[in-house]
PDB file of all heavy atoms in Angstrom:
ATOM      1  N   ARG A   1     147.379  90.945  32.593  1.00  0.00           N
ATOM      2  CA  ARG A   1     146.145  90.181  32.423  1.00  0.00           C
ATOM      3  C   ARG A   1     145.095  90.910  31.592  1.00  0.00           C
ATOM      4  O   ARG A   1     144.310  90.274  30.880  1.00  0.00           O
ATOM      5  CB  ARG A   1     145.550  89.829  33.792  1.00  0.00           C
ATOM      6  CG  ARG A   1     146.318  88.780  34.551  1.00  0.00           C
ATOM      7  CD  ARG A   1     145.705  88.522  35.926  1.00  0.00           C
ATOM      8  NE  ARG A   1     146.346  87.408  36.591  1.00  0.00           N
ATOM      9  CZ  ARG A   1     145.981  86.136  36.471  1.00  0.00           C
ATOM     10  NH1 ARG A   1     144.950  85.833  35.698  1.00  0.00           N
ATOM     11  NH2 ARG A   1     146.617  85.180  37.103  1.00  0.00           N
ATOM     12  N   LYS A   2     145.068  92.231  31.679  1.00  0.00           N
ATOM     13  CA  LYS A   2     143.967  92.969  31.058  1.00  0.00           C
ATOM     14  C   LYS A   2     144.404  93.983  30.003  1.00  0.00           C
ATOM     15  O   LYS A   2     143.851  94.023  28.901  1.00  0.00           O
ATOM     16  CB  LYS A   2     143.158  93.694  32.152  1.00  0.00           C
ATOM     17  CG  LYS A   2     142.477  92.765  33.152  1.00  0.00           C
ATOM     18  CD  LYS A   2     141.419  91.897  32.466  1.00  0.00           C
ATOM     19  CE  LYS A   2     140.701  91.014  33.477  1.00  0.00           C
ATOM     20  NZ  LYS A   2     139.684  90.137  32.818  1.00  0.00           N
ATOM     21  N   ILE A   3     145.374  94.834  30.351  1.00  0.00           N
ATOM     22  CA  ILE A   3     145.678  95.974  29.481  1.00  0.00           C
ATOM     23  C   ILE A   3     146.350  95.543  28.183  1.00  0.00           C
ATOM     24  O   ILE A   3     145.915  95.934  27.084  1.00  0.00           O
ATOM     25  CB  ILE A   3     146.532  97.007  30.233  1.00  0.00           C
ATOM     26  CG1 ILE A   3     145.743  97.539  31.440  1.00  0.00           C
ATOM     27  CG2 ILE A   3     146.925  98.161  29.306  1.00  0.00           C
ATOM     28  CD1 ILE A   3     146.549  98.442  32.351  1.00  0.00           C
ATOM     29  N   TYR A   4     147.405  94.731  28.249  1.00  0.00           N
ATOM     30  CA  TYR A   4     148.091  94.310  27.024  1.00  0.00           C
ATOM     31  C   TYR A   4     147.202  93.455  26.122  1.00  0.00           C
ATOM     32  O   TYR A   4     147.153  93.690  24.902  1.00  0.00           O
ATOM     33  CB  TYR A   4     149.396  93.584  27.355  1.00  0.00           C
ATOM     34  CG  TYR A   4     150.386  94.429  28.125  1.00  0.00           C
ATOM     35  CD1 TYR A   4     151.138  93.883  29.159  1.00  0.00           C
ATOM     36  CD2 TYR A   4     150.556  95.783  27.842  1.00  0.00           C
ATOM     37  CE1 TYR A   4     152.038  94.664  29.885  1.00  0.00           C
ATOM     38  CE2 TYR A   4     151.452  96.561  28.559  1.00  0.00           C
ATOM     39  CZ  TYR A   4     152.191  95.998  29.584  1.00  0.00           C
ATOM     40  OH  TYR A   4     153.065  96.766  30.304  1.00  0.00           O
ATOM     41  N   PRO A   5     146.472  92.472  26.669  1.00  0.00           N
ATOM     42  CA  PRO A   5     145.558  91.727  25.790  1.00  0.00           C
ATOM     43  C   PRO A   5     144.490  92.626  25.161  1.00  0.00           C
ATOM     44  O   PRO A   5     144.131  92.442  23.997  1.00  0.00           O
ATOM     45  CB  PRO A   5     144.924  90.694  26.739  1.00  0.00           C
ATOM     46  CG  PRO A   5     145.938  90.507  27.818  1.00  0.00           C
ATOM     47  CD  PRO A   5     146.548  91.858  28.011  1.00  0.00           C
ATOM     48  N   ALA A   6     143.990  93.600  25.916  1.00  0.00           N
ATOM     49  CA  ALA A   6     142.985  94.515  25.357  1.00  0.00           C
ATOM     50  C   ALA A   6     143.569  95.330  24.219  1.00  0.00           C
ATOM     51  O   ALA A   6     142.948  95.476  23.148  1.00  0.00           O
ATOM     52  CB  ALA A   6     142.454  95.437  26.457  1.00  0.00           C
ATOM     53  N   LEU A   7     144.763  95.857  24.407  1.00  0.00           N
ATOM     54  CA  LEU A   7     145.413  96.643  23.347  1.00  0.00           C
ATOM     55  C   LEU A   7     145.687  95.789  22.122  1.00  0.00           C
ATOM     56  O   LEU A   7     145.520  96.239  20.974  1.00  0.00           O
ATOM     57  CB  LEU A   7     146.716  97.249  23.875  1.00  0.00           C
ATOM     58  CG  LEU A   7     146.572  98.401  24.877  1.00  0.00           C
ATOM     59  CD1 LEU A   7     147.912  98.731  25.503  1.00  0.00           C
ATOM     60  CD2 LEU A   7     145.982  99.633  24.202  1.00  0.00           C
ATOM     61  N   TYR A   8     146.079  94.540  22.346  1.00  0.00           N
ATOM     62  CA  TYR A   8     146.358  93.645  21.221  1.00  0.00           C
ATOM     63  C   TYR A   8     145.103  93.384  20.399  1.00  0.00           C
ATOM     64  O   TYR A   8     145.125  93.422  19.161  1.00  0.00           O
ATOM     65  CB  TYR A   8     146.937  92.330  21.741  1.00  0.00           C
ATOM     66  CG  TYR A   8     147.165  91.289  20.675  1.00  0.00           C
ATOM     67  CD1 TYR A   8     148.141  91.461  19.697  1.00  0.00           C
ATOM     68  CD2 TYR A   8     146.401  90.125  20.637  1.00  0.00           C
ATOM     69  CE1 TYR A   8     148.355  90.507  18.705  1.00  0.00           C
ATOM     70  CE2 TYR A   8     146.599  89.169  19.659  1.00  0.00           C
ATOM     71  CZ  TYR A   8     147.578  89.364  18.692  1.00  0.00           C
ATOM     72  OH  TYR A   8     147.765  88.424  17.723  1.00  0.00           O
ATOM     73  N   ASN A   9     143.987  93.138  21.080  1.00  0.00           N
ATOM     74  CA  ASN A   9     142.742  92.886  20.347  1.00  0.00           C
ATOM     75  C   ASN A   9     142.215  94.138  19.663  1.00  0.00           C
ATOM     76  O   ASN A   9     141.624  94.065  18.589  1.00  0.00           O
ATOM     77  CB  ASN A   9     141.700  92.292  21.301  1.00  0.00           C
ATOM     78  CG  ASN A   9     141.939  90.816  21.566  1.00  0.00           C
ATOM     79  OD1 ASN A   9     141.706  89.974  20.708  1.00  0.00           O
ATOM     80  ND2 ASN A   9     142.438  90.490  22.754  1.00  0.00           N
ATOM     81  N   LEU A  10     142.437  95.299  20.254  1.00  0.00           N
ATOM     82  CA  LEU A  10     142.099  96.555  19.574  1.00  0.00           C
ATOM     83  C   LEU A  10     142.961  96.731  18.326  1.00  0.00           C
ATOM     84  O   LEU A  10     142.493  97.211  17.285  1.00  0.00           O
ATOM     85  CB  LEU A  10     142.297  97.740  20.520  1.00  0.00           C
ATOM     86  CG  LEU A  10     141.285  97.874  21.660  1.00  0.00           C
ATOM     87  CD1 LEU A  10     141.709  98.990  22.623  1.00  0.00           C
ATOM     88  CD2 LEU A  10     139.886  98.161  21.116  1.00  0.00           C
ATOM     89  N   PHE A  11     144.225  96.340  18.426  1.00  0.00           N
ATOM     90  CA  PHE A  11     145.134  96.416  17.277  1.00  0.00           C
ATOM     91  C   PHE A  11     144.651  95.510  16.143  1.00  0.00           C
ATOM     92  O   PHE A  11     144.611  95.916  14.973  1.00  0.00           O
ATOM     93  CB  PHE A  11     146.541  96.009  17.728  1.00  0.00           C
ATOM     94  CG  PHE A  11     147.563  95.940  16.625  1.00  0.00           C
ATOM     95  CD1 PHE A  11     148.098  97.099  16.091  1.00  0.00           C
ATOM     96  CD2 PHE A  11     147.985  94.709  16.129  1.00  0.00           C
ATOM     97  CE1 PHE A  11     149.045  97.033  15.068  1.00  0.00           C
ATOM     98  CE2 PHE A  11     148.923  94.637  15.115  1.00  0.00           C
ATOM     99  CZ  PHE A  11     149.463  95.805  14.581  1.00  0.00           C
ATOM    100  N   ILE A  12     144.248  94.288  16.485  1.00  0.00           N
ATOM    101  CA  ILE A  12     143.733  93.356  15.470  1.00  0.00           C
ATOM    102  C   ILE A  12     142.489  93.925  14.799  1.00  0.00           C
ATOM    103  O   ILE A  12     142.311  93.801  13.574  1.00  0.00           O
ATOM    104  CB  ILE A  12     143.421  91.988  16.114  1.00  0.00           C
ATOM    105  CG1 ILE A  12     144.709  91.291  16.539  1.00  0.00           C
ATOM    106  CG2 ILE A  12     142.628  91.100  15.152  1.00  0.00           C
ATOM    107  CD1 ILE A  12     144.484  89.998  17.291  1.00  0.00           C
ATOM    108  N   ASP A  13     141.639  94.563  15.587  1.00  0.00           N
ATOM    109  CA  ASP A  13     140.381  95.120  15.065  1.00  0.00           C
ATOM    110  C   ASP A  13     140.565  96.495  14.436  1.00  0.00           C
ATOM    111  O   ASP A  13     139.573  97.143  14.076  1.00  0.00           O
ATOM    112  CB  ASP A  13     139.346  95.208  16.185  1.00  0.00           C
ATOM    113  CG  ASP A  13     138.894  93.842  16.668  1.00  0.00           C
ATOM    114  OD1 ASP A  13     138.970  92.883  15.880  1.00  0.00           O
ATOM    115  OD2 ASP A  13     138.476  93.734  17.843  1.00  0.00           O
ATOM    116  N   GLN A  14     141.834  96.939  14.345  1.00  0.00           N
ATOM    117  CA  GLN A  14     142.165  98.254  13.769  1.00  0.00           C
ATOM    118  C   GLN A  14     141.446  99.377  14.517  1.00  0.00           C
ATOM    119  O   GLN A  14     140.914 100.315  13.909  1.00  0.00           O
ATOM    120  CB  GLN A  14     141.828  98.286  12.270  1.00  0.00           C
ATOM    121  CG  GLN A  14     142.611  97.272  11.470  1.00  0.00           C
ATOM    122  CD  GLN A  14     142.345  97.344   9.973  1.00  0.00           C
ATOM    123  OE1 GLN A  14     141.343  97.905   9.534  1.00  0.00           O
ATOM    124  NE2 GLN A  14     143.259  96.788   9.183  1.00  0.00           N
ATOM    125  N   LYS A  15     141.447  99.268  15.837  1.00  0.00           N
ATOM    126  CA  LYS A  15     140.805 100.273  16.677  1.00  0.00           C
ATOM    127  C   LYS A  15     141.816 101.080  17.494  1.00  0.00           C
ATOM    128  O   LYS A  15     141.428 101.821  18.396  1.00  0.00           O
ATOM    129  CB  LYS A  15     139.804  99.596  17.627  1.00  0.00           C
ATOM    130  CG  LYS A  15     138.558  99.064  16.930  1.00  0.00           C
ATOM    131  CD  LYS A  15     137.586  98.480  17.940  1.00  0.00           C
ATOM    132  CE  LYS A  15     136.290  98.048  17.276  1.00  0.00           C
ATOM    133  NZ  LYS A  15     135.335  97.479  18.266  1.00  0.00           N
ATOM    134  N   LEU A  16     143.103 100.944  17.178  1.00  0.00           N
ATOM    135  CA  LEU A  16     144.108 101.797  17.783  1.00  0.00           C
ATOM    136  C   LEU A  16     144.430 102.931  16.810  1.00  0.00           C
ATOM    137  O   LEU A  16     144.239 102.790  15.600  1.00  0.00           O
ATOM    138  CB  LEU A  16     145.386 101.005  18.090  1.00  0.00           C
ATOM    139  CG  LEU A  16     145.336 100.005  19.240  1.00  0.00           C
ATOM    140  CD1 LEU A  16     146.701  99.352  19.427  1.00  0.00           C
ATOM    141  CD2 LEU A  16     144.889 100.662  20.541  1.00  0.00           C
ATOM    142  N   PRO A  17     144.926 104.061  17.325  1.00  0.00           N
ATOM    143  CA  PRO A  17     145.331 105.129  16.412  1.00  0.00           C
ATOM    144  C   PRO A  17     146.383 104.623  15.427  1.00  0.00           C
ATOM    145  O   PRO A  17     147.197 103.750  15.759  1.00  0.00           O
ATOM    146  CB  PRO A  17     145.923 106.178  17.352  1.00  0.00           C
ATOM    147  CG  PRO A  17     145.327 105.897  18.684  1.00  0.00           C
ATOM    148  CD  PRO A  17     145.121 104.419  18.738  1.00  0.00           C
ATOM    149  N   GLN A  18     146.354 105.167  14.241  1.00  0.00           N
ATOM    150  CA  GLN A  18     147.338 104.739  13.243  1.00  0.00           C
ATOM    151  C   GLN A  18     148.752 105.025  13.713  1.00  0.00           C
ATOM    152  O   GLN A  18     149.675 104.262  13.452  1.00  0.00           O
ATOM    153  CB  GLN A  18     147.070 105.463  11.918  1.00  0.00           C
ATOM    154  CG  GLN A  18     147.805 104.845  10.747  1.00  0.00           C
ATOM    155  CD  GLN A  18     147.265 105.350   9.425  1.00  0.00           C
ATOM    156  OE1 GLN A  18     146.479 106.293   9.384  1.00  0.00           O
ATOM    157  NE2 GLN A  18     147.690 104.735   8.333  1.00  0.00           N
ATOM    158  N   SER A  19     148.898 106.136  14.441  1.00  0.00           N
ATOM    159  CA  SER A  19     150.183 106.459  15.049  1.00  0.00           C
ATOM    160  C   SER A  19     150.025 106.303  16.557  1.00  0.00           C
ATOM    161  O   SER A  19     149.387 107.125  17.229  1.00  0.00           O
ATOM    162  CB  SER A  19     150.603 107.883  14.695  1.00  0.00           C
ATOM    163  OG  SER A  19     151.885 108.149  15.225  1.00  0.00           O
ATOM    164  N   PHE A  20     150.571 105.205  17.087  1.00  0.00           N
ATOM    165  CA  PHE A  20     150.375 104.840  18.485  1.00  0.00           C
ATOM    166  C   PHE A  20     151.712 104.420  19.078  1.00  0.00           C
ATOM    167  O   PHE A  20     152.432 103.607  18.492  1.00  0.00           O
ATOM    168  CB  PHE A  20     149.373 103.691  18.584  1.00  0.00           C
ATOM    169  CG  PHE A  20     149.159 103.161  19.978  1.00  0.00           C
ATOM    170  CD1 PHE A  20     148.326 103.823  20.866  1.00  0.00           C
ATOM    171  CD2 PHE A  20     149.786 101.993  20.409  1.00  0.00           C
ATOM    172  CE1 PHE A  20     148.108 103.341  22.154  1.00  0.00           C
ATOM    173  CE2 PHE A  20     149.583 101.496  21.682  1.00  0.00           C
ATOM    174  CZ  PHE A  20     148.741 102.174  22.565  1.00  0.00           C
ATOM    175  N   ALA A  21     152.040 104.998  20.237  1.00  0.00           N
ATOM    176  CA  ALA A  21     153.265 104.619  20.944  1.00  0.00           C
ATOM    177  C   ALA A  21     152.927 104.345  22.396  1.00  0.00           C
ATOM    178  O   ALA A  21     152.101 105.045  22.990  1.00  0.00           O
ATOM    179  CB  ALA A  21     154.299 105.728  20.846  1.00  0.00           C
ATOM    180  N   LEU A  22     153.543 103.318  22.964  1.00  0.00           N
ATOM    181  CA  LEU A  22     153.334 102.989  24.375  1.00  0.00           C
ATOM    182  C   LEU A  22     154.673 103.003  25.101  1.00  0.00           C
ATOM    183  O   LEU A  22     155.644 102.384  24.634  1.00  0.00           O
ATOM    184  CB  LEU A  22     152.665 101.631  24.540  1.00  0.00           C
ATOM    185  CG  LEU A  22     152.284 101.261  25.982  1.00  0.00           C
ATOM    186  CD1 LEU A  22     150.988 100.469  26.019  1.00  0.00           C
ATOM    187  CD2 LEU A  22     153.390 100.467  26.694  1.00  0.00           C
ATOM    188  N   ILE A  23     154.706 103.703  26.200  1.00  0.00           N
ATOM    189  CA  ILE A  23     155.893 103.718  27.058  1.00  0.00           C
ATOM    190  C   ILE A  23     155.509 103.126  28.401  1.00  0.00           C
ATOM    191  O   ILE A  23     154.686 103.696  29.136  1.00  0.00           O
ATOM    192  CB  ILE A  23     156.447 105.145  27.223  1.00  0.00           C
ATOM    193  CG1 ILE A  23     156.893 105.695  25.860  1.00  0.00           C
ATOM    194  CG2 ILE A  23     157.615 105.156  28.210  1.00  0.00           C
ATOM    195  CD1 ILE A  23     157.354 107.132  25.894  1.00  0.00           C
ATOM    196  N   GLY A  24     156.070 101.966  28.694  1.00  0.00           N
ATOM    197  CA  GLY A  24     155.802 101.302  29.961  1.00  0.00           C
ATOM    198  C   GLY A  24     156.761 101.778  31.025  1.00  0.00           C
ATOM    199  O   GLY A  24     157.961 101.958  30.765  1.00  0.00           O
ATOM    200  N   LEU A  25     156.244 101.970  32.232  1.00  0.00           N
ATOM    201  CA  LEU A  25     157.044 102.483  33.334  1.00  0.00           C
ATOM    202  C   LEU A  25     156.986 101.532  34.517  1.00  0.00           C
ATOM    203  O   LEU A  25     155.922 100.990  34.836  1.00  0.00           O
ATOM    204  CB  LEU A  25     156.534 103.858  33.776  1.00  0.00           C
ATOM    205  CG  LEU A  25     156.435 104.931  32.692  1.00  0.00           C
ATOM    206  CD1 LEU A  25     155.700 106.152  33.233  1.00  0.00           C
ATOM    207  CD2 LEU A  25     157.818 105.309  32.180  1.00  0.00           C
ATOM    208  N   GLY A  26     158.125 101.354  35.166  1.00  0.00           N
ATOM    209  CA  GLY A  26     158.174 100.517  36.356  1.00  0.00           C
ATOM    210  C   GLY A  26     159.480 100.730  37.083  1.00  0.00           C
ATOM    211  O   GLY A  26     160.415 101.349  36.550  1.00  0.00           O
ATOM    212  N   ARG A  27     159.582 100.218  38.290  1.00  0.00           N
ATOM    213  CA  ARG A  27     160.822 100.382  39.068  1.00  0.00           C
ATOM    214  C   ARG A  27     161.872  99.342  38.680  1.00  0.00           C
ATOM    215  O   ARG A  27     163.058  99.526  38.937  1.00  0.00           O
ATOM    216  CB  ARG A  27     160.509 100.281  40.564  1.00  0.00           C
ATOM    217  CG  ARG A  27     159.717 101.471  41.083  1.00  0.00           C
ATOM    218  CD  ARG A  27     159.743 101.550  42.588  1.00  0.00           C
ATOM    219  NE  ARG A  27     159.152 100.387  43.232  1.00  0.00           N
ATOM    220  CZ  ARG A  27     159.096 100.204  44.538  1.00  0.00           C
ATOM    221  NH1 ARG A  27     159.612 101.110  45.357  1.00  0.00           N
ATOM    222  NH2 ARG A  27     158.528  99.128  45.038  1.00  0.00           N
ATOM    223  N   ARG A  28     161.415  98.267  38.052  1.00  0.00           N
ATOM    224  CA  ARG A  28     162.329  97.179  37.690  1.00  0.00           C
ATOM    225  C   ARG A  28     163.205  97.572  36.501  1.00  0.00           C
ATOM    226  O   ARG A  28     162.728  98.145  35.518  1.00  0.00           O
ATOM    227  CB  ARG A  28     161.507  95.943  37.339  1.00  0.00           C
ATOM    228  CG  ARG A  28     162.321  94.681  37.113  1.00  0.00           C
ATOM    229  CD  ARG A  28     161.422  93.544  36.653  1.00  0.00           C
ATOM    230  NE  ARG A  28     160.236  93.402  37.505  1.00  0.00           N
ATOM    231  CZ  ARG A  28     159.226  92.600  37.218  1.00  0.00           C
ATOM    232  NH1 ARG A  28     159.228  91.913  36.082  1.00  0.00           N
ATOM    233  NH2 ARG A  28     158.197  92.506  38.040  1.00  0.00           N
ATOM    234  N   GLU A  29     164.486  97.263  36.568  1.00  0.00           N
ATOM    235  CA  GLU A  29     165.392  97.506  35.443  1.00  0.00           C
ATOM    236  C   GLU A  29     165.065  96.526  34.324  1.00  0.00           C
ATOM    237  O   GLU A  29     164.963  95.315  34.546  1.00  0.00           O
ATOM    238  CB  GLU A  29     166.848  97.327  35.881  1.00  0.00           C
ATOM    239  CG  GLU A  29     167.365  98.412  36.819  1.00  0.00           C
ATOM    240  CD  GLU A  29     167.644  99.727  36.097  1.00  0.00           C
ATOM    241  OE1 GLU A  29     167.669  99.716  34.853  1.00  0.00           O
ATOM    242  OE2 GLU A  29     167.815 100.747  36.791  1.00  0.00           O
ATOM    243  N   MET A  30     164.888  97.052  33.121  1.00  0.00           N
ATOM    244  CA  MET A  30     164.515  96.209  31.982  1.00  0.00           C
ATOM    245  C   MET A  30     164.780  96.981  30.698  1.00  0.00           C
ATOM    246  O   MET A  30     164.562  98.192  30.639  1.00  0.00           O
ATOM    247  CB  MET A  30     163.021  95.852  32.092  1.00  0.00           C
ATOM    248  CG  MET A  30     162.522  94.842  31.075  1.00  0.00           C
ATOM    249  SD  MET A  30     160.724  94.593  31.192  1.00  0.00           S
ATOM    250  CE  MET A  30     160.527  94.023  32.877  1.00  0.00           C
ATOM    251  N   ASN A  31     165.259  96.289  29.666  1.00  0.00           N
ATOM    252  CA  ASN A  31     165.425  96.972  28.382  1.00  0.00           C
ATOM    253  C   ASN A  31     164.176  96.781  27.532  1.00  0.00           C
ATOM    254  O   ASN A  31     163.265  96.026  27.888  1.00  0.00           O
ATOM    255  CB  ASN A  31     166.686  96.487  27.651  1.00  0.00           C
ATOM    256  CG  ASN A  31     166.659  94.987  27.363  1.00  0.00           C
ATOM    257  OD1 ASN A  31     165.589  94.395  27.171  1.00  0.00           O
ATOM    258  ND2 ASN A  31     167.830  94.365  27.332  1.00  0.00           N
ATOM    259  N   ASP A  32     164.142  97.453  26.387  1.00  0.00           N
ATOM    260  CA  ASP A  32     162.952  97.407  25.531  1.00  0.00           C
ATOM    261  C   ASP A  32     162.631  95.989  25.069  1.00  0.00           C
ATOM    262  O   ASP A  32     161.464  95.589  25.025  1.00  0.00           O
ATOM    263  CB  ASP A  32     163.141  98.318  24.300  1.00  0.00           C
ATOM    264  CG  ASP A  32     163.109  99.793  24.657  1.00  0.00           C
ATOM    265  OD1 ASP A  32     162.695 100.114  25.779  1.00  0.00           O
ATOM    266  OD2 ASP A  32     163.505 100.620  23.814  1.00  0.00           O
ATOM    267  N   GLU A  33     163.652  95.235  24.717  1.00  0.00           N
ATOM    268  CA  GLU A  33     163.414  93.888  24.180  1.00  0.00           C
ATOM    269  C   GLU A  33     162.846  92.957  25.246  1.00  0.00           C
ATOM    270  O   GLU A  33     161.947  92.152  24.970  1.00  0.00           O
ATOM    271  CB  GLU A  33     164.710  93.311  23.595  1.00  0.00           C
ATOM    272  CG  GLU A  33     165.202  94.046  22.351  1.00  0.00           C
ATOM    273  CD  GLU A  33     164.101  94.211  21.314  1.00  0.00           C
ATOM    274  OE1 GLU A  33     163.441  93.197  20.975  1.00  0.00           O
ATOM    275  OE2 GLU A  33     163.887  95.345  20.845  1.00  0.00           O
ATOM    276  N   SER A  34     163.341  93.069  26.470  1.00  0.00           N
ATOM    277  CA  SER A  34     162.800  92.243  27.556  1.00  0.00           C
ATOM    278  C   SER A  34     161.356  92.625  27.852  1.00  0.00           C
ATOM    279  O   SER A  34     160.510  91.764  28.120  1.00  0.00           O
ATOM    280  CB  SER A  34     163.645  92.413  28.817  1.00  0.00           C
ATOM    281  OG  SER A  34     164.960  91.954  28.605  1.00  0.00           O
ATOM    282  N   PHE A  35     161.077  93.918  27.785  1.00  0.00           N
ATOM    283  CA  PHE A  35     159.710  94.393  28.016  1.00  0.00           C
ATOM    284  C   PHE A  35     158.777  93.852  26.941  1.00  0.00           C
ATOM    285  O   PHE A  35     157.691  93.343  27.237  1.00  0.00           O
ATOM    286  CB  PHE A  35     159.715  95.922  28.011  1.00  0.00           C
ATOM    287  CG  PHE A  35     158.352  96.540  28.175  1.00  0.00           C
ATOM    288  CD1 PHE A  35     157.492  96.144  29.198  1.00  0.00           C
ATOM    289  CD2 PHE A  35     157.912  97.537  27.303  1.00  0.00           C
ATOM    290  CE1 PHE A  35     156.245  96.723  29.350  1.00  0.00           C
ATOM    291  CE2 PHE A  35     156.665  98.122  27.450  1.00  0.00           C
ATOM    292  CZ  PHE A  35     155.832  97.716  28.471  1.00  0.00           C
ATOM    293  N   LYS A  36     159.185  93.911  25.697  1.00  0.00           N
ATOM    294  CA  LYS A  36     158.352  93.402  24.602  1.00  0.00           C
ATOM    295  C   LYS A  36     158.108  91.904  24.746  1.00  0.00           C
ATOM    296  O   LYS A  36     157.008  91.415  24.480  1.00  0.00           O
ATOM    297  CB  LYS A  36     159.017  93.699  23.260  1.00  0.00           C
ATOM    298  CG  LYS A  36     159.047  95.168  22.890  1.00  0.00           C
ATOM    299  CD  LYS A  36     159.746  95.382  21.543  1.00  0.00           C
ATOM    300  CE  LYS A  36     159.829  96.857  21.187  1.00  0.00           C
ATOM    301  NZ  LYS A  36     160.486  97.091  19.897  1.00  0.00           N
ATOM    302  N   ALA A  37     159.134  91.187  25.184  1.00  0.00           N
ATOM    303  CA  ALA A  37     158.977  89.743  25.379  1.00  0.00           C
ATOM    304  C   ALA A  37     157.964  89.450  26.479  1.00  0.00           C
ATOM    305  O   ALA A  37     157.155  88.514  26.374  1.00  0.00           O
ATOM    306  CB  ALA A  37     160.333  89.120  25.722  1.00  0.00           C
ATOM    307  N   SER A  38     157.980  90.263  27.538  1.00  0.00           N
ATOM    308  CA  SER A  38     157.025  90.092  28.630  1.00  0.00           C
ATOM    309  C   SER A  38     155.597  90.392  28.162  1.00  0.00           C
ATOM    310  O   SER A  38     154.654  89.676  28.507  1.00  0.00           O
ATOM    311  CB  SER A  38     157.400  91.018  29.783  1.00  0.00           C
ATOM    312  OG  SER A  38     156.437  90.962  30.806  1.00  0.00           O
ATOM    313  N   VAL A  39     155.440  91.444  27.353  1.00  0.00           N
ATOM    314  CA  VAL A  39     154.131  91.791  26.805  1.00  0.00           C
ATOM    315  C   VAL A  39     153.619  90.672  25.907  1.00  0.00           C
ATOM    316  O   VAL A  39     152.446  90.275  25.971  1.00  0.00           O
ATOM    317  CB  VAL A  39     154.188  93.122  26.029  1.00  0.00           C
ATOM    318  CG1 VAL A  39     152.856  93.388  25.320  1.00  0.00           C
ATOM    319  CG2 VAL A  39     154.520  94.278  26.971  1.00  0.00           C
ATOM    320  N   GLU A  40     154.502  90.142  25.075  1.00  0.00           N
ATOM    321  CA  GLU A  40     154.106  89.051  24.178  1.00  0.00           C
ATOM    322  C   GLU A  40     153.642  87.838  24.962  1.00  0.00           C
ATOM    323  O   GLU A  40     152.647  87.189  24.607  1.00  0.00           O
ATOM    324  CB  GLU A  40     155.266  88.664  23.263  1.00  0.00           C
ATOM    325  CG  GLU A  40     154.910  87.544  22.296  1.00  0.00           C
ATOM    326  CD  GLU A  40     156.025  87.222  21.320  1.00  0.00           C
ATOM    327  OE1 GLU A  40     157.062  87.911  21.325  1.00  0.00           O
ATOM    328  OE2 GLU A  40     155.852  86.252  20.532  1.00  0.00           O
ATOM    329  N   GLN A  41     154.329  87.527  26.056  1.00  0.00           N
ATOM    330  CA  GLN A  41     153.935  86.382  26.875  1.00  0.00           C
ATOM    331  C   GLN A  41     152.558  86.594  27.482  1.00  0.00           C
ATOM    332  O   GLN A  41     151.742  85.670  27.548  1.00  0.00           O
ATOM    333  CB  GLN A  41     154.964  86.157  27.985  1.00  0.00           C
ATOM    334  CG  GLN A  41     154.751  84.868  28.766  1.00  0.00           C
ATOM    335  CD  GLN A  41     154.824  83.635  27.878  1.00  0.00           C
ATOM    336  OE1 GLN A  41     155.778  83.448  27.124  1.00  0.00           O
ATOM    337  NE2 GLN A  41     153.795  82.791  27.936  1.00  0.00           N
ATOM    338  N   SER A  42     152.270  87.820  27.913  1.00  0.00           N
ATOM    339  CA  SER A  42     150.958  88.099  28.496  1.00  0.00           C
ATOM    340  C   SER A  42     149.850  87.956  27.455  1.00  0.00           C
ATOM    341  O   SER A  42     148.744  87.518  27.775  1.00  0.00           O
ATOM    342  CB  SER A  42     150.937  89.504  29.105  1.00  0.00           C
ATOM    343  OG  SER A  42     150.872  90.501  28.107  1.00  0.00           O
TER     344      SER A  42
END
């Protein structure tokens, strides 16, 4: 609800570091593509 939309709007406004990597952590089994799809939906 908050973190991914905030990061996306910072990205649009060019307010993220030029070299930026995010590693999401959780107990649920998930591959990178499923995680990206979930972020996109949010």
